[in-house]
C-alpha atoms as a PDB file:
ATOM      1  CA  MET A   1     102.890  92.201  70.682  1.00  0.00           C
ATOM      2  CA  ASN A   2     102.659  95.479  68.662  1.00  0.00           C
ATOM      3  CA  PHE A   3     100.259  98.317  66.903  1.00  0.00           C
ATOM      4  CA  LYS A   4     101.703  96.459  63.575  1.00  0.00           C
ATOM      5  CA  LYS A   5     103.895  93.111  64.013  1.00  0.00           C
ATOM      6  CA  TYR A   6     102.064  92.138  67.290  1.00  0.00           C
ATOM      7  CA  ARG A   7     100.868  95.128  68.660  1.00  0.00           C
ATOM      8  CA  TYR A   8      99.425  94.602  72.039  1.00  0.00           C
ATOM      9  CA  LYS A   9     102.479  93.710  73.499  1.00  0.00           C
ATOM     10  CA  LEU A  10     112.407  96.900  83.163  1.00  0.00           C
ATOM     11  CA  PRO A  11     114.587  95.492  86.855  1.00  0.00           C
ATOM     12  CA  VAL A  12     118.594  95.783  88.442  1.00  0.00           C
ATOM     13  CA  GLY A  13     122.101  96.772  86.886  1.00  0.00           C
ATOM     14  CA  LEU A  14     123.808  99.713  86.375  1.00  0.00           C
ATOM     15  CA  LEU A  15     121.291 102.421  85.431  1.00  0.00           C
ATOM     16  CA  PHE A  16     122.127 106.158  84.146  1.00  0.00           C
ATOM     17  CA  GLY A  17     119.714 108.551  82.999  1.00  0.00           C
ATOM     18  CA  VAL A  18     116.773 110.296  84.805  1.00  0.00           C
ATOM     19  CA  VAL A  19     113.224 109.040  85.357  1.00  0.00           C
ATOM     20  CA  LEU A  20     110.868 111.069  83.405  1.00  0.00           C
ATOM     21  CA  LEU A  21     107.229 111.280  85.105  1.00  0.00           C
ATOM     22  CA  SER A  22     104.020 112.087  83.477  1.00  0.00           C
ATOM     23  CA  ALA A  23     102.628 115.268  85.536  1.00  0.00           C
ATOM     24  CA  CYS A  24      99.490 112.663  85.995  1.00  0.00           C
ATOM     25  CA  SER A  25     101.648 110.206  87.832  1.00  0.00           C
ATOM     26  CA  SER A  26     101.898 109.163  91.794  1.00  0.00           C
ATOM     27  CA  THR A  27     104.645 110.146  93.979  1.00  0.00           C
ATOM     28  CA  LYS A  28     103.568 108.400  96.878  1.00  0.00           C
ATOM     29  CA  SER A  29     104.740 105.260  94.763  1.00  0.00           C
ATOM     30  CA  THR A  30     108.420 106.592  94.883  1.00  0.00           C
ATOM     31  CA  VAL A  31     110.570 105.164  98.060  1.00  0.00           C
ATOM     32  CA  THR A  32     113.887 104.376  98.354  1.00  0.00           C
ATOM     33  CA  THR A  33     115.138 100.791  98.561  1.00  0.00           C
ATOM     34  CA  GLY A  34     119.136 100.973  99.897  1.00  0.00           C
ATOM     35  CA  SER A  35     121.182  99.130  97.438  1.00  0.00           C
ATOM     36  CA  THR A  36     118.841  98.417  95.160  1.00  0.00           C
ATOM     37  CA  GLY A  37     118.019 101.936  94.183  1.00  0.00           C
ATOM     38  CA  LYS A  38     115.108 103.822  94.118  1.00  0.00           C
ATOM     39  CA  VAL A  39     111.318 102.404  93.578  1.00  0.00           C
ATOM     40  CA  VAL A  40     109.982 104.828  91.264  1.00  0.00           C
ATOM     41  CA  PHE A  41     106.733 102.767  90.359  1.00  0.00           C
ATOM     42  CA  TYR A  42     105.265  99.900  92.609  1.00  0.00           C
ATOM     43  CA  ASP A  43     102.328  97.952  92.602  1.00  0.00           C
ATOM     44  CA  ASP A  44     101.789  94.798  94.774  1.00  0.00           C
ATOM     45  CA  PHE A  45      97.768  94.214  93.891  1.00  0.00           C
ATOM     46  CA  ASN A  46      97.181  93.982  97.650  1.00  0.00           C
ATOM     47  CA  GLN A  47      94.147  96.476  97.873  1.00  0.00           C
ATOM     48  CA  ASP A  48      90.620  95.470  97.062  1.00  0.00           C
ATOM     49  CA  LYS A  49      90.215  97.419  93.271  1.00  0.00           C
ATOM     50  CA  ILE A  50      92.799  98.261  90.507  1.00  0.00           C
ATOM     51  CA  ASP A  51      94.824 101.310  91.523  1.00  0.00           C
ATOM     52  CA  ARG A  52      93.219 103.867  88.691  1.00  0.00           C
ATOM     53  CA  SER A  53      95.596 106.396  89.454  1.00  0.00           C
ATOM     54  CA  LYS A  54      98.453 103.784  88.028  1.00  0.00           C
ATOM     55  CA  TRP A  55      96.476 101.820  85.402  1.00  0.00           C
ATOM     56  CA  ASN A  56      94.103 102.533  81.973  1.00  0.00           C
ATOM     57  CA  PHE A  57      92.224 100.078  79.827  1.00  0.00           C
ATOM     58  CA  GLU A  58      92.335 100.478  77.096  1.00  0.00           C
ATOM     59  CA  ILE A  59      88.964  99.729  74.590  1.00  0.00           C
ATOM     60  CA  THR A  60      89.219  98.257  71.395  1.00  0.00           C
ATOM     61  CA  GLY A  61      88.692 100.398  68.456  1.00  0.00           C
ATOM     62  CA  MET A  62      91.294  99.759  66.092  1.00  0.00           C
ATOM     63  CA  HIS A  63      92.191  95.829  65.522  1.00  0.00           C
ATOM     64  CA  PHE A  64      95.603  94.096  65.445  1.00  0.00           C
ATOM     65  CA  ASN A  65      97.170  90.796  64.647  1.00  0.00           C
ATOM     66  CA  ASP A  66      94.301  88.972  64.128  1.00  0.00           C
ATOM     67  CA  GLU A  67      93.762  88.868  67.420  1.00  0.00           C
ATOM     68  CA  LEU A  68      90.473  86.793  68.441  1.00  0.00           C
ATOM     69  CA  GLN A  69      88.948  89.236  71.509  1.00  0.00           C
ATOM     70  CA  ALA A  70      88.092  92.561  72.159  1.00  0.00           C
ATOM     71  CA  TYR A  71      89.575  94.627  74.930  1.00  0.00           C
ATOM     72  CA  VAL A  72      86.799  95.733  77.790  1.00  0.00           C
ATOM     73  CA  ASP A  73      86.721  97.555  80.611  1.00  0.00           C
ATOM     74  CA  THR A  74      84.762  95.284  83.355  1.00  0.00           C
ATOM     75  CA  PRO A  75      85.951  93.476  86.646  1.00  0.00           C
ATOM     76  CA  SER A  76      84.651  90.172  84.668  1.00  0.00           C
ATOM     77  CA  THR A  77      88.210  90.952  82.516  1.00  0.00           C
ATOM     78  CA  ALA A  78      90.571  92.189  85.466  1.00  0.00           C
ATOM     79  CA  PHE A  79      90.326  92.055  89.001  1.00  0.00           C
ATOM     80  CA  ILE A  80      92.214  92.017  91.944  1.00  0.00           C
ATOM     81  CA  ALA A  81      92.405  88.101  93.829  1.00  0.00           C
ATOM     82  CA  HIS A  82      93.291  87.215  97.322  1.00  0.00           C
ATOM     83  CA  GLY A  83      93.389  83.992  99.436  1.00  0.00           C
ATOM     84  CA  ALA A  84      93.471  80.827  97.769  1.00  0.00           C
ATOM     85  CA  ASP A  85      92.396  82.769  94.773  1.00  0.00           C
ATOM     86  CA  ALA A  86      95.681  84.514  94.238  1.00  0.00           C
ATOM     87  CA  GLU A  87      97.489  81.337  93.774  1.00  0.00           C
ATOM     88  CA  GLY A  88     100.624  81.967  96.147  1.00  0.00           C
ATOM     89  CA  ALA A  89     100.808  85.587  95.354  1.00  0.00           C
ATOM     90  CA  ASP A  90     101.768  87.518  98.521  1.00  0.00           C
ATOM     91  CA  GLY A  91      98.935  89.300  99.721  1.00  0.00           C
ATOM     92  CA  GLY A  92      96.591  89.535  96.453  1.00  0.00           C
ATOM     93  CA  ALA A  93      97.399  89.098  92.892  1.00  0.00           C
ATOM     94  CA  LEU A  94      96.253  91.000  89.706  1.00  0.00           C
ATOM     95  CA  VAL A  95      93.980  89.115  87.378  1.00  0.00           C
ATOM     96  CA  ILE A  96      93.803  88.831  83.901  1.00  0.00           C
ATOM     97  CA  ARG A  97      91.064  86.673  82.373  1.00  0.00           C
ATOM     98  CA  PRO A  98      89.475  86.259  79.343  1.00  0.00           C
ATOM     99  CA  GLN A  99      86.021  85.189  78.815  1.00  0.00           C
ATOM    100  CA  SER A 100      83.633  83.873  75.858  1.00  0.00           C
ATOM    101  CA  ALA A 101      81.511  86.716  75.146  1.00  0.00           C
ATOM    102  CA  PRO A 102      79.710  85.864  71.506  1.00  0.00           C
ATOM    103  CA  GLY A 103      78.761  88.009  69.361  1.00  0.00           C
ATOM    104  CA  PHE A 104      80.241  90.714  71.366  1.00  0.00           C
ATOM    105  CA  VAL A 105      80.262  94.410  69.000  1.00  0.00           C
ATOM    106  CA  THR A 106      83.291  97.047  69.999  1.00  0.00           C
ATOM    107  CA  LYS A 107      82.107 100.978  69.628  1.00  0.00           C
ATOM    108  CA  ASP A 108      83.535 100.749  66.602  1.00  0.00           C
ATOM    109  CA  GLY A 109      80.947  97.915  65.095  1.00  0.00           C
ATOM    110  CA  GLN A 110      83.504  95.115  65.118  1.00  0.00           C
ATOM    111  CA  HIS A 111      82.561  91.446  66.354  1.00  0.00           C
ATOM    112  CA  PHE A 112      84.099  89.005  68.516  1.00  0.00           C
ATOM    113  CA  ASP A 113      83.659  85.814  70.695  1.00  0.00           C
ATOM    114  CA  PHE A 114      85.501  86.776  73.144  1.00  0.00           C
ATOM    115  CA  ILE A 115      86.538  89.708  75.814  1.00  0.00           C
ATOM    116  CA  SER A 116      89.789  90.457  77.721  1.00  0.00           C
ATOM    117  CA  SER A 117      91.713  93.726  79.120  1.00  0.00           C
ATOM    118  CA  ARG A 118      95.053  95.235  78.108  1.00  0.00           C
ATOM    119  CA  MET A 119      96.204  97.840  81.323  1.00  0.00           C
ATOM    120  CA  THR A 120      98.675 100.453  80.384  1.00  0.00           C
ATOM    121  CA  THR A 121     100.143 103.296  82.419  1.00  0.00           C
ATOM    122  CA  GLN A 122     100.591 105.704  79.440  1.00  0.00           C
ATOM    123  CA  ASN A 123     100.347 109.350  80.346  1.00  0.00           C
ATOM    124  CA  LYS A 124      99.973 108.134  84.750  1.00  0.00           C
ATOM    125  CA  PHE A 125     103.723 106.676  84.670  1.00  0.00           C
ATOM    126  CA  GLN A 126     106.542 106.966  81.946  1.00  0.00           C
ATOM    127  CA  PHE A 127     109.958 106.518  82.176  1.00  0.00           C
ATOM    128  CA  THR A 128     113.402 106.190  80.409  1.00  0.00           C
ATOM    129  CA  TYR A 129     116.108 103.583  81.399  1.00  0.00           C
ATOM    130  CA  GLY A 130     115.761 101.363  84.627  1.00  0.00           C
ATOM    131  CA  THR A 131     114.625  97.902  85.710  1.00  0.00           C
ATOM    132  CA  ALA A 132     111.249  97.235  85.070  1.00  0.00           C
ATOM    133  CA  GLU A 133     109.821  93.608  86.433  1.00  0.00           C
ATOM    134  CA  ALA A 134     106.953  91.834  87.091  1.00  0.00           C
ATOM    135  CA  ARG A 135     106.139  88.427  88.801  1.00  0.00           C
ATOM    136  CA  ILE A 136     104.026  86.373  86.935  1.00  0.00           C
ATOM    137  CA  LYS A 137     102.108  82.906  86.866  1.00  0.00           C
ATOM    138  CA  LEU A 138     100.460  81.628  83.558  1.00  0.00           C
ATOM    139  CA  THR A 139      97.950  79.190  82.468  1.00  0.00           C
ATOM    140  CA  ASP A 140      99.099  76.705  79.742  1.00  0.00           C
ATOM    141  CA  GLY A 141      96.911  76.433  77.025  1.00  0.00           C
ATOM    142  CA  ALA A 142      97.702  76.750  73.406  1.00  0.00           C
ATOM    143  CA  GLY A 143      96.975  80.036  71.559  1.00  0.00           C
ATOM    144  CA  LEU A 144      96.749  81.913  74.399  1.00  0.00           C
ATOM    145  CA  TRP A 145      99.063  84.699  74.407  1.00  0.00           C
ATOM    146  CA  PRO A 146      99.473  87.015  77.487  1.00  0.00           C
ATOM    147  CA  ALA A 147     102.366  89.569  77.667  1.00  0.00           C
ATOM    148  CA  TRP A 148     104.426  92.081  79.648  1.00  0.00           C
ATOM    149  CA  TRP A 149     105.859  94.373  77.902  1.00  0.00           C
ATOM    150  CA  LEU A 150     106.944  98.747  77.175  1.00  0.00           C
ATOM    151  CA  LEU A 151     106.123 100.434  74.445  1.00  0.00           C
ATOM    152  CA  GLY A 152     107.097 104.207  73.034  1.00  0.00           C
ATOM    153  CA  THR A 153     104.723 106.930  73.757  1.00  0.00           C
ATOM    154  CA  GLY A 154     105.186 108.002  69.768  1.00  0.00           C
ATOM    155  CA  ASN A 155     104.789 106.462  65.963  1.00  0.00           C
ATOM    156  CA  TRP A 156     105.814 102.943  66.446  1.00  0.00           C
ATOM    157  CA  PRO A 157     107.934 101.768  66.126  1.00  0.00           C
ATOM    158  CA  LEU A 158     110.175 105.029  66.165  1.00  0.00           C
ATOM    159  CA  THR A 159     110.410 104.952  69.842  1.00  0.00           C
ATOM    160  CA  GLY A 160     110.850 101.238  70.129  1.00  0.00           C
ATOM    161  CA  GLU A 161     108.672  98.379  71.293  1.00  0.00           C
ATOM    162  CA  THR A 162     110.361  96.349  74.609  1.00  0.00           C
ATOM    163  CA  ASP A 163     108.284  93.150  75.178  1.00  0.00           C
ATOM    164  CA  ILE A 164     109.580  91.715  78.103  1.00  0.00           C
ATOM    165  CA  MET A 165     107.421  88.571  78.567  1.00  0.00           C
ATOM    166  CA  GLU A 166     105.129  86.592  75.530  1.00  0.00           C
ATOM    167  CA  TYR A 167     103.756  83.524  76.094  1.00  0.00           C
ATOM    168  CA  ILE A 168     101.987  81.815  73.591  1.00  0.00           C
ATOM    169  CA  GLY A 169     100.678  78.167  74.321  1.00  0.00           C
ATOM    170  CA  GLU A 170     103.965  76.037  74.838  1.00  0.00           C
ATOM    171  CA  LYS A 171     104.076  75.937  78.743  1.00  0.00           C
ATOM    172  CA  ASP A 172     107.973  74.920  78.568  1.00  0.00           C
ATOM    173  CA  TRP A 173     109.131  78.418  77.034  1.00  0.00           C
ATOM    174  CA  VAL A 174     108.318  82.214  76.911  1.00  0.00           C
ATOM    175  CA  SER A 175     110.246  84.772  74.423  1.00  0.00           C
ATOM    176  CA  ALA A 176     111.428  88.099  75.106  1.00  0.00           C
ATOM    177  CA  ALA A 177     111.614  90.528  71.926  1.00  0.00           C
ATOM    178  CA  VAL A 178     112.657  93.955  70.841  1.00  0.00           C
ATOM    179  CA  HIS A 179     110.992  96.206  67.918  1.00  0.00           C
ATOM    180  CA  GLY A 180     112.286  99.366  66.134  1.00  0.00           C
ATOM    181  CA  PRO A 181     112.550 101.272  62.887  1.00  0.00           C
ATOM    182  CA  GLY A 182     113.883  98.305  60.651  1.00  0.00           C
ATOM    183  CA  TYR A 183     113.540  95.618  62.906  1.00  0.00           C
ATOM    184  CA  SER A 184     110.217  95.646  63.905  1.00  0.00           C
ATOM    185  CA  GLY A 185     107.696  92.803  62.897  1.00  0.00           C
ATOM    186  CA  GLU A 186     109.911  89.909  61.740  1.00  0.00           C
ATOM    187  CA  THR A 187     112.454  91.251  64.081  1.00  0.00           C
ATOM    188  CA  PRO A 188     115.447  90.038  64.212  1.00  0.00           C
ATOM    189  CA  PHE A 189     115.925  90.576  67.845  1.00  0.00           C
ATOM    190  CA  VAL A 190     114.147  88.172  69.714  1.00  0.00           C
ATOM    191  CA  ASN A 191     114.622  84.701  71.939  1.00  0.00           C
ATOM    192  CA  ARG A 192     112.895  82.220  74.134  1.00  0.00           C
ATOM    193  CA  GLN A 193     113.694  80.831  77.823  1.00  0.00           C
ATOM    194  CA  TYR A 194     112.855  77.438  78.342  1.00  0.00           C
ATOM    195  CA  PHE A 195     112.415  76.627  81.629  1.00  0.00           C
ATOM    196  CA  ASP A 196     113.497  73.136  83.638  1.00  0.00           C
ATOM    197  CA  ALA A 197     111.138  70.764  84.236  1.00  0.00           C
ATOM    198  CA  GLY A 198     108.930  71.061  86.920  1.00  0.00           C
ATOM    199  CA  LYS A 199     109.079  74.848  86.406  1.00  0.00           C
ATOM    200  CA  ASP A 200     107.194  75.793  83.436  1.00  0.00           C
ATOM    201  CA  VAL A 201     104.863  78.940  82.706  1.00  0.00           C
ATOM    202  CA  THR A 202     102.235  77.801  85.018  1.00  0.00           C
ATOM    203  CA  HIS A 203     104.877  78.358  88.300  1.00  0.00           C
ATOM    204  CA  TRP A 204     105.879  81.897  89.464  1.00  0.00           C
ATOM    205  CA  HIS A 205     108.426  83.941  87.713  1.00  0.00           C
ATOM    206  CA  THR A 206     110.361  87.000  87.213  1.00  0.00           C
ATOM    207  CA  TYR A 207     110.448  88.932  84.295  1.00  0.00           C
ATOM    208  CA  ALA A 208     112.656  91.926  84.027  1.00  0.00           C
ATOM    209  CA  VAL A 209     114.797  94.092  81.686  1.00  0.00           C
ATOM    210  CA  ASP A 210     117.609  96.281  82.302  1.00  0.00           C
ATOM    211  CA  TRP A 211     117.561  99.099  80.433  1.00  0.00           C
ATOM    212  CA  THR A 212     120.470 101.690  80.141  1.00  0.00           C
ATOM    213  CA  PRO A 213     121.786 104.204  77.371  1.00  0.00           C
ATOM    214  CA  ASP A 214     123.238 101.514  75.281  1.00  0.00           C
ATOM    215  CA  GLU A 215     121.289  98.082  75.486  1.00  0.00           C
ATOM    216  CA  LEU A 216     118.427  95.940  76.875  1.00  0.00           C
ATOM    217  CA  ASP A 217     119.490  92.715  79.590  1.00  0.00           C
ATOM    218  CA  PHE A 218     116.407  90.609  79.726  1.00  0.00           C
ATOM    219  CA  LYS A 219     116.229  88.384  82.940  1.00  0.00           C
ATOM    220  CA  TYR A 220     114.212  85.663  84.049  1.00  0.00           C
ATOM    221  CA  ASP A 221     114.093  85.061  87.690  1.00  0.00           C
ATOM    222  CA  GLY A 222     117.314  86.901  88.183  1.00  0.00           C
ATOM    223  CA  LYS A 223     119.456  84.953  84.967  1.00  0.00           C
ATOM    224  CA  LEU A 224     120.405  87.078  81.635  1.00  0.00           C
ATOM    225  CA  MET A 225     118.501  85.140  79.173  1.00  0.00           C
ATOM    226  CA  PHE A 226     118.884  87.832  76.354  1.00  0.00           C
ATOM    227  CA  ARG A 227     120.482  90.873  75.332  1.00  0.00           C
ATOM    228  CA  VAL A 228     119.763  93.574  72.716  1.00  0.00           C
ATOM    229  CA  THR A 229     122.687  96.567  72.110  1.00  0.00           C
ATOM    230  CA  LYS A 230     122.873 100.003  70.774  1.00  0.00           C
ATOM    231  CA  THR A 231     125.445  98.691  67.860  1.00  0.00           C
ATOM    232  CA  MET A 232     123.107  95.522  67.155  1.00  0.00           C
ATOM    233  CA  ALA A 233     120.344  97.254  66.518  1.00  0.00           C
ATOM    234  CA  GLN A 234     122.233 100.291  64.511  1.00  0.00           C
ATOM    235  CA  HIS A 235     122.700  97.789  61.873  1.00  0.00           C
ATOM    236  CA  TYR A 236     119.570  97.801  61.187  1.00  0.00           C
ATOM    237  CA  GLY A 237     118.160 101.234  61.768  1.00  0.00           C
ATOM    238  CA  LYS A 238     118.023 103.893  64.599  1.00  0.00           C
ATOM    239  CA  TRP A 239     118.486 103.062  68.099  1.00  0.00           C
ATOM    240  CA  ALA A 240     114.960 103.701  69.214  1.00  0.00           C
ATOM    241  CA  PHE A 241     115.818 103.310  72.941  1.00  0.00           C
ATOM    242  CA  ASP A 242     116.136 106.798  74.375  1.00  0.00           C
ATOM    243  CA  ASN A 243     112.708 107.925  75.007  1.00  0.00           C
ATOM    244  CA  GLN A 244     110.115 107.509  77.680  1.00  0.00           C
ATOM    245  CA  GLN A 245     108.407 104.249  77.363  1.00  0.00           C
ATOM    246  CA  TYR A 246     105.118 103.528  79.244  1.00  0.00           C
ATOM    247  CA  LEU A 247     104.052  99.637  80.915  1.00  0.00           C
ATOM    248  CA  ILE A 248     101.493  97.294  79.709  1.00  0.00           C
ATOM    249  CA  LEU A 249      99.849  94.153  80.894  1.00  0.00           C
ATOM    250  CA  ASN A 250      97.541  92.463  78.454  1.00  0.00           C
ATOM    251  CA  PHE A 251      96.092  88.993  77.479  1.00  0.00           C
ATOM    252  CA  ALA A 252      95.106  88.492  73.627  1.00  0.00           C
ATOM    253  CA  LEU A 253      93.588  85.191  72.169  1.00  0.00           C
ATOM    254  CA  GLY A 254      95.363  83.661  69.324  1.00  0.00           C
ATOM    255  CA  GLY A 255      96.423  86.095  66.906  1.00  0.00           C
ATOM    256  CA  GLY A 256      99.547  86.030  64.797  1.00  0.00           C
ATOM    257  CA  TYR A 257     102.119  84.984  66.742  1.00  0.00           C
ATOM    258  CA  PRO A 258     100.683  82.196  67.958  1.00  0.00           C
ATOM    259  CA  VAL A 259      99.308  80.836  65.031  1.00  0.00           C
ATOM    260  CA  LYS A 260     103.113  80.812  63.658  1.00  0.00           C
ATOM    261  CA  ILE A 261     103.847  78.394  66.308  1.00  0.00           C
ATOM    262  CA  ASN A 262     100.761  75.919  66.343  1.00  0.00           C
ATOM    263  CA  GLY A 263      99.436  76.544  63.357  1.00  0.00           C
ATOM    264  CA  VAL A 264      95.271  76.329  64.265  1.00  0.00           C
ATOM    265  CA  LYS A 265      92.246  77.881  62.657  1.00  0.00           C
ATOM    266  CA  GLN A 266      89.868  76.410  63.374  1.00  0.00           C
ATOM    267  CA  PRO A 267      87.336  76.758  65.471  1.00  0.00           C
ATOM    268  CA  TYR A 268      88.426  80.291  66.469  1.00  0.00           C
ATOM    269  CA  GLY A 269      92.562  80.056  65.531  1.00  0.00           C
ATOM    270  CA  LEU A 270      92.511  78.583  69.342  1.00  0.00           C
ATOM    271  CA  PRO A 271      92.175  74.316  69.840  1.00  0.00           C
ATOM    272  CA  GLN A 272      88.614  73.544  71.779  1.00  0.00           C
ATOM    273  CA  SER A 273      90.410  73.002  74.156  1.00  0.00           C
ATOM    274  CA  THR A 274      91.921  76.263  75.036  1.00  0.00           C
ATOM    275  CA  VAL A 275      88.022  77.540  73.551  1.00  0.00           C
ATOM    276  CA  GLU A 276      86.756  75.148  76.881  1.00  0.00           C
ATOM    277  CA  LEU A 277      89.934  76.676  79.026  1.00  0.00           C
ATOM    278  CA  VAL A 278      88.347  80.462  78.582  1.00  0.00           C
ATOM    279  CA  LYS A 279      84.601  79.241  78.238  1.00  0.00           C
ATOM    280  CA  ASN A 280      85.366  78.137  81.896  1.00  0.00           C
ATOM    281  CA  GLY A 281      87.267  80.940  83.237  1.00  0.00           C
ATOM    282  CA  HIS A 282      90.413  78.801  83.939  1.00  0.00           C
ATOM    283  CA  ALA A 283      92.586  80.725  80.958  1.00  0.00           C
ATOM    284  CA  LYS A 284      95.241  83.552  83.919  1.00  0.00           C
ATOM    285  CA  MET A 285      97.622  85.662  84.184  1.00  0.00           C
ATOM    286  CA  LEU A 286      98.307  86.400  87.450  1.00  0.00           C
ATOM    287  CA  VAL A 287     100.218  89.273  88.358  1.00  0.00           C
ATOM    288  CA  ASP A 288     102.008  89.369  92.059  1.00  0.00           C
ATOM    289  CA  TRP A 289     103.520  92.360  91.487  1.00  0.00           C
ATOM    290  CA  VAL A 290     105.157  95.250  89.091  1.00  0.00           C
ATOM    291  CA  ARG A 291     108.351  97.519  89.625  1.00  0.00           C
ATOM    292  CA  VAL A 292     110.572 100.310  87.948  1.00  0.00           C
ATOM    293  CA  THR A 293     113.394 101.252  89.575  1.00  0.00           C
ATOM    294  CA  GLN A 294     116.365 103.542  89.037  1.00  0.00           C
ATOM    295  CA  ARG A 295     119.575 104.021  90.190  1.00  0.00           C
END
């Protein structure tokens, strides 16, 4: 997703480059894992609360993509679950859960009937080249738009966007995409992964990207599903993936991408069945862990 087209939207291979961390990054998350390389960021969400030394919460000010939610910082829309509530995660799981909030007014006077969360590592953890991966489980529902992605630290799309996983409400597939100068918004670089029967988005999957100086390899459950190379991108514009990017997990509702697939415009740009799903607190993105690795 992006602050443009969809602006609310990397990991194992032979990787080159030096990890670039902001001065705010915590060194305690850096451990060595033998042949898989060095883990430079890791969160298994096993603690009782979300680790604020790693994650920021964005608050809606500017608004993009005709999405239906306001982003807030509240434990009702983002929290850690344990036991049966973690739905099979090992230890604990991050839960991002949009909620119905009729008449909610943002700090800049915008009105929304739904709230949700968008978490980022901006200015806390940023890196160049490596493998970013997360183990995620989703709820089925037309018009839901959870995403796991990376964003450059400069002006969009000049410093790139890497959409590792976006789900817009058809449970048999998710998509990956790349945005940069000359190939943003309706980007030519987008691909779907269709799951086998009985293994749709409501099951746990690992969504990853291997990022090197010359290409982005997207892998779902360890299997390559899409590749974008520097040469391919330069057919349209400058290669935008030689700078720092940070991690994002968010859960949008409705918006430009889902409506192009499902065509739903009433009652909210979500079908009533999905509105009820949100009202009942059943629309969720669960994240078992997030990891960034470098060799």
